Amino acid sequence: MAESAAEVQKHIRTYLVVFVALGGLTALTVAVSFIHFGTAGNIAVALIIASVKASLVAAVFMHLISEKQFIYGVLSLSAFFFLLLMFVPVLVHDDSTRTKWHPPAPIVETHTVDHVS
């Protein structure tokens, strides 16, 4: 199955566009990390950007873009797990059976000085 030069150029162009997009999204991740949205907000923004980057890699480099029905199932499953992971901190925070950890009390040493006569 020999491909023509035009088809090869098309694939190379697609790979270069994805490369630039991944670099741009990585720069965006670093830039957004300096903005304070709160702990949950920062995690949510980082996960959204990471999901876009993972989707690009899966679609182009793993050739899933040509698998139309399969990709929708994978994206739905990914969205489900993303939402599940977003709610794990909420579920753990409301856990009433969890015991709180208390650090041990500090050890106070007393020194005695013996006077030698």
N, C-alpha and C. Protein backbone atom coordinates (compact mmCIF):
# COMPACT_ATOMS: atom_id res chain seq x y z
N MET A 1 0.84 -1.16 0.00
CA MET A 1 0.00 0.00 0.00
C MET A 1 0.90 1.24 0.00
N ALA A 2 1.28 1.64 -1.15
CA ALA A 2 2.16 2.79 -1.30
C ALA A 2 1.34 4.07 -1.26
N GLU A 3 1.80 5.01 -0.48
CA GLU A 3 1.12 6.30 -0.39
C GLU A 3 1.82 7.30 -1.28
N SER A 4 1.05 8.21 -1.79
CA SER A 4 1.65 9.24 -2.64
C SER A 4 2.35 10.28 -1.77
N ALA A 5 3.16 11.09 -2.41
CA ALA A 5 3.90 12.12 -1.68
C ALA A 5 2.95 13.13 -1.05
N ALA A 6 1.83 13.39 -1.68
CA ALA A 6 0.86 14.35 -1.13
C ALA A 6 0.23 13.82 0.16
N GLU A 7 -0.05 12.51 0.20
CA GLU A 7 -0.62 11.92 1.41
C GLU A 7 0.39 11.94 2.57
N VAL A 8 1.64 11.67 2.24
CA VAL A 8 2.68 11.71 3.27
C VAL A 8 2.83 13.13 3.81
N GLN A 9 2.81 14.13 2.93
CA GLN A 9 2.90 15.52 3.36
C GLN A 9 1.72 15.91 4.24
N LYS A 10 0.54 15.36 3.91
CA LYS A 10 -0.65 15.65 4.72
C LYS A 10 -0.48 15.09 6.13
N HIS A 11 0.05 13.88 6.24
CA HIS A 11 0.27 13.28 7.56
C HIS A 11 1.32 14.07 8.34
N ILE A 12 2.39 14.46 7.67
CA ILE A 12 3.44 15.22 8.34
C ILE A 12 2.89 16.56 8.84
N ARG A 13 2.06 17.20 8.03
CA ARG A 13 1.46 18.48 8.44
C ARG A 13 0.57 18.27 9.66
N THR A 14 -0.21 17.21 9.67
CA THR A 14 -1.08 16.91 10.82
C THR A 14 -0.24 16.71 12.08
N TYR A 15 0.86 15.95 11.96
CA TYR A 15 1.71 15.71 13.12
C TYR A 15 2.36 17.00 13.62
N LEU A 16 2.75 17.87 12.72
CA LEU A 16 3.35 19.14 13.12
C LEU A 16 2.33 20.04 13.81
N VAL A 17 1.10 20.05 13.30
CA VAL A 17 0.05 20.86 13.94
C VAL A 17 -0.23 20.35 15.35
N VAL A 18 -0.28 19.03 15.52
CA VAL A 18 -0.52 18.46 16.85
C VAL A 18 0.66 18.75 17.76
N PHE A 19 1.87 18.69 17.23
CA PHE A 19 3.06 19.01 18.02
C PHE A 19 3.00 20.45 18.54
N VAL A 20 2.66 21.38 17.67
CA VAL A 20 2.55 22.79 18.07
C VAL A 20 1.42 22.97 19.09
N ALA A 21 0.30 22.28 18.86
CA ALA A 21 -0.83 22.38 19.80
C ALA A 21 -0.46 21.83 21.17
N LEU A 22 0.26 20.71 21.21
CA LEU A 22 0.68 20.14 22.50
C LEU A 22 1.67 21.07 23.20
N GLY A 23 2.56 21.68 22.45
CA GLY A 23 3.48 22.64 23.05
C GLY A 23 2.75 23.85 23.59
N GLY A 24 1.78 24.35 22.83
CA GLY A 24 0.98 25.49 23.28
C GLY A 24 0.16 25.16 24.52
N LEU A 25 -0.43 23.96 24.54
CA LEU A 25 -1.22 23.57 25.71
C LEU A 25 -0.33 23.35 26.94
N THR A 26 0.89 22.88 26.73
CA THR A 26 1.82 22.74 27.85
C THR A 26 2.19 24.12 28.40
N ALA A 27 2.43 25.07 27.51
CA ALA A 27 2.72 26.45 27.95
C ALA A 27 1.51 27.03 28.68
N LEU A 28 0.31 26.73 28.19
CA LEU A 28 -0.90 27.19 28.85
C LEU A 28 -1.03 26.59 30.25
N THR A 29 -0.68 25.31 30.39
CA THR A 29 -0.72 24.67 31.70
C THR A 29 0.21 25.37 32.68
N VAL A 30 1.41 25.69 32.22
CA VAL A 30 2.38 26.38 33.08
C VAL A 30 1.87 27.78 33.43
N ALA A 31 1.32 28.49 32.44
CA ALA A 31 0.83 29.85 32.68
C ALA A 31 -0.34 29.85 33.66
N VAL A 32 -1.25 28.89 33.52
CA VAL A 32 -2.43 28.83 34.39
C VAL A 32 -2.03 28.43 35.80
N SER A 33 -0.91 27.72 35.95
CA SER A 33 -0.50 27.29 37.29
C SER A 33 -0.14 28.47 38.19
N PHE A 34 0.15 29.63 37.59
CA PHE A 34 0.47 30.81 38.39
C PHE A 34 -0.77 31.60 38.79
N ILE A 35 -1.93 31.22 38.27
CA ILE A 35 -3.19 31.87 38.62
C ILE A 35 -3.85 31.06 39.72
N HIS A 36 -4.32 31.71 40.76
CA HIS A 36 -4.92 31.01 41.89
C HIS A 36 -6.43 30.94 41.72
N PHE A 37 -6.93 29.72 41.43
CA PHE A 37 -8.37 29.48 41.34
C PHE A 37 -8.88 28.75 42.57
N GLY A 38 -8.03 28.54 43.53
CA GLY A 38 -8.37 27.67 44.65
C GLY A 38 -7.85 26.29 44.32
N THR A 39 -7.73 25.45 45.31
CA THR A 39 -7.17 24.12 45.07
C THR A 39 -7.99 23.33 44.07
N ALA A 40 -9.29 23.28 44.28
CA ALA A 40 -10.16 22.52 43.37
C ALA A 40 -10.19 23.14 41.98
N GLY A 41 -10.18 24.45 41.90
CA GLY A 41 -10.19 25.12 40.61
C GLY A 41 -8.93 24.86 39.81
N ASN A 42 -7.78 24.93 40.48
CA ASN A 42 -6.51 24.66 39.79
C ASN A 42 -6.45 23.22 39.29
N ILE A 43 -6.92 22.29 40.11
CA ILE A 43 -6.93 20.89 39.70
C ILE A 43 -7.87 20.69 38.52
N ALA A 44 -9.03 21.32 38.56
CA ALA A 44 -10.00 21.17 37.47
C ALA A 44 -9.44 21.73 36.16
N VAL A 45 -8.83 22.91 36.21
CA VAL A 45 -8.27 23.51 34.99
C VAL A 45 -7.14 22.64 34.45
N ALA A 46 -6.27 22.16 35.33
CA ALA A 46 -5.17 21.31 34.89
C ALA A 46 -5.67 20.01 34.26
N LEU A 47 -6.71 19.42 34.85
CA LEU A 47 -7.25 18.19 34.29
C LEU A 47 -7.95 18.42 32.96
N ILE A 48 -8.60 19.54 32.81
CA ILE A 48 -9.25 19.85 31.53
C ILE A 48 -8.21 20.00 30.42
N ILE A 49 -7.15 20.73 30.72
CA ILE A 49 -6.09 20.90 29.71
C ILE A 49 -5.42 19.56 29.41
N ALA A 50 -5.17 18.76 30.44
CA ALA A 50 -4.56 17.45 30.24
C ALA A 50 -5.48 16.53 29.43
N SER A 51 -6.79 16.64 29.63
CA SER A 51 -7.73 15.83 28.85
C SER A 51 -7.71 16.21 27.38
N VAL A 52 -7.59 17.50 27.10
CA VAL A 52 -7.50 17.94 25.70
C VAL A 52 -6.22 17.41 25.07
N LYS A 53 -5.12 17.49 25.80
CA LYS A 53 -3.85 17.00 25.28
C LYS A 53 -3.90 15.49 25.06
N ALA A 54 -4.48 14.75 26.00
CA ALA A 54 -4.60 13.30 25.85
C ALA A 54 -5.49 12.93 24.68
N SER A 55 -6.55 13.70 24.47
CA SER A 55 -7.43 13.45 23.34
C SER A 55 -6.71 13.67 22.01
N LEU A 56 -5.89 14.71 21.95
CA LEU A 56 -5.11 14.95 20.73
C LEU A 56 -4.16 13.79 20.45
N VAL A 57 -3.46 13.34 21.47
CA VAL A 57 -2.51 12.24 21.30
C VAL A 57 -3.24 10.97 20.88
N ALA A 58 -4.35 10.66 21.55
CA ALA A 58 -5.09 9.45 21.22
C ALA A 58 -5.68 9.51 19.81
N ALA A 59 -6.21 10.66 19.45
CA ALA A 59 -6.86 10.78 18.14
C ALA A 59 -5.86 10.71 17.00
N VAL A 60 -4.73 11.38 17.13
CA VAL A 60 -3.81 11.49 16.01
C VAL A 60 -2.74 10.40 16.04
N PHE A 61 -2.00 10.30 17.14
CA PHE A 61 -0.87 9.38 17.17
C PHE A 61 -1.30 7.93 17.34
N MET A 62 -2.43 7.69 17.97
CA MET A 62 -2.93 6.34 18.10
C MET A 62 -3.94 6.01 17.01
N HIS A 63 -4.16 6.93 16.09
CA HIS A 63 -5.03 6.77 14.92
C HIS A 63 -6.47 6.42 15.31
N LEU A 64 -6.93 6.95 16.42
CA LEU A 64 -8.31 6.69 16.84
C LEU A 64 -9.30 7.63 16.16
N ILE A 65 -8.80 8.64 15.47
CA ILE A 65 -9.69 9.57 14.80
C ILE A 65 -10.45 8.89 13.66
N SER A 66 -9.85 7.83 13.12
CA SER A 66 -10.53 7.11 12.04
C SER A 66 -11.53 6.09 12.58
N GLU A 67 -11.49 5.83 13.85
CA GLU A 67 -12.43 4.90 14.48
C GLU A 67 -13.56 5.69 15.11
N LYS A 68 -14.51 6.11 14.31
CA LYS A 68 -15.54 7.06 14.78
C LYS A 68 -16.36 6.52 15.96
N GLN A 69 -16.88 5.30 15.85
CA GLN A 69 -17.73 4.81 16.93
C GLN A 69 -16.91 4.45 18.17
N PHE A 70 -15.73 3.94 17.97
CA PHE A 70 -14.88 3.55 19.09
C PHE A 70 -14.45 4.76 19.90
N ILE A 71 -14.13 5.84 19.22
CA ILE A 71 -13.62 7.03 19.91
C ILE A 71 -14.69 7.65 20.81
N TYR A 72 -15.95 7.58 20.41
CA TYR A 72 -17.01 8.14 21.24
C TYR A 72 -17.17 7.33 22.53
N GLY A 73 -17.02 6.03 22.44
CA GLY A 73 -17.09 5.19 23.64
C GLY A 73 -15.94 5.47 24.58
N VAL A 74 -14.74 5.62 24.01
CA VAL A 74 -13.56 5.90 24.84
C VAL A 74 -13.68 7.27 25.49
N LEU A 75 -14.13 8.25 24.73
CA LEU A 75 -14.29 9.60 25.31
C LEU A 75 -15.37 9.62 26.38
N SER A 76 -16.44 8.87 26.19
CA SER A 76 -17.49 8.80 27.21
C SER A 76 -16.95 8.15 28.49
N LEU A 77 -16.18 7.09 28.33
CA LEU A 77 -15.59 6.43 29.49
C LEU A 77 -14.60 7.35 30.19
N SER A 78 -13.82 8.08 29.42
CA SER A 78 -12.87 9.03 30.00
C SER A 78 -13.60 10.14 30.75
N ALA A 79 -14.68 10.64 30.19
CA ALA A 79 -15.45 11.68 30.86
C ALA A 79 -16.05 11.16 32.17
N PHE A 80 -16.51 9.92 32.16
CA PHE A 80 -17.05 9.31 33.38
C PHE A 80 -16.00 9.25 34.48
N PHE A 81 -14.81 8.74 34.13
CA PHE A 81 -13.74 8.64 35.13
C PHE A 81 -13.24 10.01 35.57
N PHE A 82 -13.24 10.98 34.66
CA PHE A 82 -12.86 12.34 35.02
C PHE A 82 -13.82 12.88 36.08
N LEU A 83 -15.12 12.74 35.86
CA LEU A 83 -16.10 13.22 36.83
C LEU A 83 -16.00 12.46 38.15
N LEU A 84 -15.75 11.16 38.05
CA LEU A 84 -15.58 10.36 39.27
C LEU A 84 -14.40 10.86 40.08
N LEU A 85 -13.27 11.13 39.42
CA LEU A 85 -12.10 11.62 40.13
C LEU A 85 -12.32 13.03 40.69
N MET A 86 -13.15 13.82 40.04
CA MET A 86 -13.42 15.15 40.55
C MET A 86 -14.25 15.10 41.84
N PHE A 87 -15.06 14.05 42.00
CA PHE A 87 -15.92 13.96 43.17
C PHE A 87 -15.30 13.14 44.31
N VAL A 88 -14.16 12.49 44.08
CA VAL A 88 -13.53 11.72 45.14
C VAL A 88 -13.18 12.59 46.35
N PRO A 89 -12.59 13.79 46.17
CA PRO A 89 -12.32 14.61 47.36
C PRO A 89 -13.59 14.98 48.14
N VAL A 90 -14.68 15.20 47.44
CA VAL A 90 -15.93 15.54 48.12
C VAL A 90 -16.42 14.35 48.93
N LEU A 91 -16.33 13.16 48.35
CA LEU A 91 -16.78 11.97 49.07
C LEU A 91 -15.91 11.67 50.27
N VAL A 92 -14.61 11.89 50.15
CA VAL A 92 -13.71 11.63 51.26
C VAL A 92 -13.89 12.69 52.35
N HIS A 93 -14.11 13.92 51.96
CA HIS A 93 -14.27 15.01 52.93
C HIS A 93 -15.51 14.80 53.80
N ASP A 94 -16.57 14.26 53.25
CA ASP A 94 -17.81 14.07 53.99
C ASP A 94 -17.86 12.73 54.72
N ASP A 95 -16.78 11.99 54.74
CA ASP A 95 -16.74 10.70 55.39
C ASP A 95 -16.71 10.90 56.90
N SER A 96 -17.78 10.51 57.58
CA SER A 96 -17.87 10.73 59.02
C SER A 96 -17.15 9.64 59.81
N THR A 97 -16.77 8.54 59.17
CA THR A 97 -16.09 7.47 59.91
C THR A 97 -14.59 7.68 59.97
N ARG A 98 -14.10 8.66 59.28
CA ARG A 98 -12.67 8.92 59.25
C ARG A 98 -12.23 9.53 60.58
N THR A 99 -11.13 9.05 61.10
CA THR A 99 -10.59 9.62 62.31
C THR A 99 -9.52 10.64 61.94
N LYS A 100 -9.43 11.65 62.73
CA LYS A 100 -8.46 12.69 62.45
C LYS A 100 -7.12 12.32 63.06
N TRP A 101 -6.08 12.63 62.35
CA TRP A 101 -4.73 12.37 62.82
C TRP A 101 -4.24 13.56 63.61
N HIS A 102 -3.70 13.28 64.77
CA HIS A 102 -3.13 14.33 65.59
C HIS A 102 -1.64 14.05 65.72
N PRO A 103 -0.83 15.05 65.52
CA PRO A 103 0.61 14.82 65.67
C PRO A 103 0.96 14.53 67.12
N PRO A 104 2.01 13.77 67.33
CA PRO A 104 2.38 13.48 68.72
C PRO A 104 2.85 14.74 69.43
N ALA A 105 2.69 14.72 70.73
CA ALA A 105 3.11 15.88 71.54
C ALA A 105 4.62 16.01 71.47
N PRO A 106 5.11 17.23 71.47
CA PRO A 106 6.56 17.42 71.41
C PRO A 106 7.24 16.92 72.68
N ILE A 107 8.42 16.42 72.50
CA ILE A 107 9.20 15.93 73.65
C ILE A 107 10.00 17.10 74.20
N VAL A 108 9.78 17.36 75.47
CA VAL A 108 10.49 18.47 76.13
C VAL A 108 11.57 17.87 77.00
N GLU A 109 12.80 18.21 76.69
CA GLU A 109 13.91 17.69 77.48
C GLU A 109 14.32 18.73 78.51
N THR A 110 14.57 18.26 79.69
CA THR A 110 15.05 19.16 80.75
C THR A 110 16.47 18.79 81.06
N HIS A 111 17.30 19.78 81.16
CA HIS A 111 18.71 19.56 81.47
C HIS A 111 18.99 20.06 82.88
N THR A 112 19.68 19.24 83.63
CA THR A 112 20.08 19.66 84.96
C THR A 112 21.60 19.83 84.96
N VAL A 113 22.03 20.82 85.64
CA VAL A 113 23.46 21.10 85.72
C VAL A 113 23.92 20.79 87.14
N ASP A 114 24.89 19.93 87.26
CA ASP A 114 25.45 19.62 88.56
C ASP A 114 26.62 20.56 88.81
N HIS A 115 26.60 21.20 89.95
CA HIS A 115 27.70 22.10 90.31
C HIS A 115 28.75 21.29 91.05
N VAL A 116 29.92 21.35 90.55
CA VAL A 116 31.03 20.63 91.20
C VAL A 116 31.81 21.64 92.04
N SER A 117 32.05 21.31 93.32
CA SER A 117 32.77 22.23 94.18
C SER A 117 34.20 21.80 94.37
